[in-house]
C-alpha atoms as a PDB file:
ATOM      1  CA  UNK A   1     234.082 177.874  21.860  1.00  0.00           C
ATOM      2  CA  UNK A   2     233.128 177.153  17.909  1.00  0.00           C
ATOM      3  CA  UNK A   3     230.515 180.004  18.097  1.00  0.00           C
ATOM      4  CA  UNK A   4     232.999 182.747  18.916  1.00  0.00           C
ATOM      5  CA  UNK A   5     234.894 182.488  15.951  1.00  0.00           C
ATOM      6  CA  UNK A   6     234.935 185.097  13.046  1.00  0.00           C
ATOM      7  CA  UNK A   7     233.970 184.492   9.358  1.00  0.00           C
ATOM      8  CA  UNK A   8     234.276 187.449   7.185  1.00  0.00           C
ATOM      9  CA  UNK A   9     231.263 188.347   4.924  1.00  0.00           C
ATOM     10  CA  UNK A  10     231.239 190.150   1.967  1.00  0.00           C
ATOM     11  CA  UNK A  11     230.788 194.043   3.088  1.00  0.00           C
ATOM     12  CA  UNK A  12     231.927 196.211   6.098  1.00  0.00           C
ATOM     13  CA  UNK A  13     228.686 196.565   8.104  1.00  0.00           C
ATOM     14  CA  UNK A  14     228.250 192.408   8.786  1.00  0.00           C
ATOM     15  CA  UNK A  15     231.837 192.199   9.854  1.00  0.00           C
ATOM     16  CA  UNK A  16     231.208 195.053  12.105  1.00  0.00           C
ATOM     17  CA  UNK A  17     228.091 193.700  13.293  1.00  0.00           C
ATOM     18  CA  UNK A  18     229.171 190.179  13.722  1.00  0.00           C
ATOM     19  CA  UNK A  19     232.248 191.824  16.105  1.00  0.00           C
ATOM     20  CA  UNK A  20     229.918 193.713  18.136  1.00  0.00           C
ATOM     21  CA  UNK A  21     227.787 190.219  18.505  1.00  0.00           C
ATOM     22  CA  UNK A  22     230.788 188.092  19.737  1.00  0.00           C
ATOM     23  CA  UNK A  23     231.948 190.836  22.192  1.00  0.00           C
ATOM     24  CA  UNK A  24     228.358 190.860  23.428  1.00  0.00           C
ATOM     25  CA  UNK A  25     228.237 186.998  23.429  1.00  0.00           C
ATOM     26  CA  UNK A  26     231.677 186.872  25.384  1.00  0.00           C
ATOM     27  CA  UNK A  27     230.655 189.635  27.984  1.00  0.00           C
ATOM     28  CA  UNK A  28     227.340 187.683  28.673  1.00  0.00           C
ATOM     29  CA  UNK A  29     228.777 184.550  29.249  1.00  0.00           C
ATOM     30  CA  UNK A  30     231.929 185.666  31.471  1.00  0.00           C
ATOM     31  CA  UNK A  31     229.035 187.897  33.501  1.00  0.00           C
ATOM     32  CA  UNK A  32     226.329 184.844  33.772  1.00  0.00           C
ATOM     33  CA  UNK A  33     229.549 182.742  35.057  1.00  0.00           C
ATOM     34  CA  UNK A  34     230.407 185.088  37.322  1.00  0.00           C
ATOM     35  CA  UNK A  35     226.902 185.640  38.535  1.00  0.00           C
ATOM     36  CA  UNK A  36     226.438 182.008  38.954  1.00  0.00           C
ATOM     37  CA  UNK A  37     229.841 181.482  40.920  1.00  0.00           C
ATOM     38  CA  UNK A  38     228.695 184.263  43.503  1.00  0.00           C
ATOM     39  CA  UNK A  39     225.740 182.584  44.211  1.00  0.00           C
ATOM     40  CA  UNK A  40     227.347 179.263  44.338  1.00  0.00           C
ATOM     41  CA  UNK A  41     230.115 180.940  46.935  1.00  0.00           C
ATOM     42  CA  UNK A  42     227.055 182.543  48.762  1.00  0.00           C
ATOM     43  CA  UNK A  43     225.040 179.061  49.322  1.00  0.00           C
ATOM     44  CA  UNK A  44     228.245 177.291  50.033  1.00  0.00           C
ATOM     45  CA  UNK A  45     228.960 179.652  52.993  1.00  0.00           C
ATOM     46  CA  UNK A  46     225.726 179.950  53.895  1.00  0.00           C
ATOM     47  CA  UNK A  47     225.757 183.983  53.510  1.00  0.00           C
ATOM     48  CA  UNK A  48     222.851 185.701  52.749  1.00  0.00           C
ATOM     49  CA  UNK A  49     223.366 188.820  50.261  1.00  0.00           C
ATOM     50  CA  UNK A  50     223.376 192.348  51.762  1.00  0.00           C
ATOM     51  CA  UNK A  51     221.778 194.983  49.822  1.00  0.00           C
ATOM     52  CA  UNK A  52     224.708 196.209  48.380  1.00  0.00           C
ATOM     53  CA  UNK A  53     225.335 193.155  46.659  1.00  0.00           C
ATOM     54  CA  UNK A  54     221.500 192.618  45.091  1.00  0.00           C
ATOM     55  CA  UNK A  55     222.574 196.182  44.158  1.00  0.00           C
ATOM     56  CA  UNK A  56     225.387 195.232  42.266  1.00  0.00           C
ATOM     57  CA  UNK A  57     223.325 191.863  40.803  1.00  0.00           C
ATOM     58  CA  UNK A  58     220.930 194.270  39.736  1.00  0.00           C
ATOM     59  CA  UNK A  59     223.097 196.747  37.906  1.00  0.00           C
ATOM     60  CA  UNK A  60     224.987 193.629  36.233  1.00  0.00           C
ATOM     61  CA  UNK A  61     221.584 192.412  35.286  1.00  0.00           C
ATOM     62  CA  UNK A  62     220.816 195.876  33.695  1.00  0.00           C
ATOM     63  CA  UNK A  63     224.143 196.561  31.950  1.00  0.00           C
ATOM     64  CA  UNK A  64     224.448 192.776  30.257  1.00  0.00           C
ATOM     65  CA  UNK A  65     220.927 193.020  29.157  1.00  0.00           C
ATOM     66  CA  UNK A  66     221.469 196.739  27.535  1.00  0.00           C
ATOM     67  CA  UNK A  67     224.354 195.446  25.961  1.00  0.00           C
ATOM     68  CA  UNK A  68     222.487 192.750  23.948  1.00  0.00           C
ATOM     69  CA  UNK A  69     219.627 195.200  23.297  1.00  0.00           C
ATOM     70  CA  UNK A  70     221.883 197.137  21.377  1.00  0.00           C
ATOM     71  CA  UNK A  71     223.323 194.665  19.657  1.00  0.00           C
ATOM     72  CA  UNK A  72     220.170 193.366  18.661  1.00  0.00           C
ATOM     73  CA  UNK A  73     217.758 196.300  18.180  1.00  0.00           C
ATOM     74  CA  UNK A  74     219.976 199.454  17.858  1.00  0.00           C
ATOM     75  CA  UNK A  75     222.770 198.837  16.242  1.00  0.00           C
ATOM     76  CA  UNK A  76     220.765 197.167  13.064  1.00  0.00           C
ATOM     77  CA  UNK A  77     218.658 200.191  13.326  1.00  0.00           C
ATOM     78  CA  UNK A  78     221.814 202.577  13.249  1.00  0.00           C
ATOM     79  CA  UNK A  79     223.188 200.682  10.059  1.00  0.00           C
ATOM     80  CA  UNK A  80     219.609 200.597   8.224  1.00  0.00           C
ATOM     81  CA  UNK A  81     219.327 204.601   8.810  1.00  0.00           C
ATOM     82  CA  UNK A  82     223.037 205.394   7.833  1.00  0.00           C
END
């Protein structure tokens, strides 16, 4: 939990970037826990996931990957251009 602390920087751009990074880290951790929990429950109940569950897992993966990509690549490029 110490990684989720906010430490102010000298300028506003770095503060905004840090908050965006913290939000995406939180979403990544929570969605990873949900993904693992659902997988464990499926194994405990000996249930194989259907197409809808596999599709939802794919969508979750794409959304988390997209959020991390925006944080790492797109936001710094946007701030550099402006």
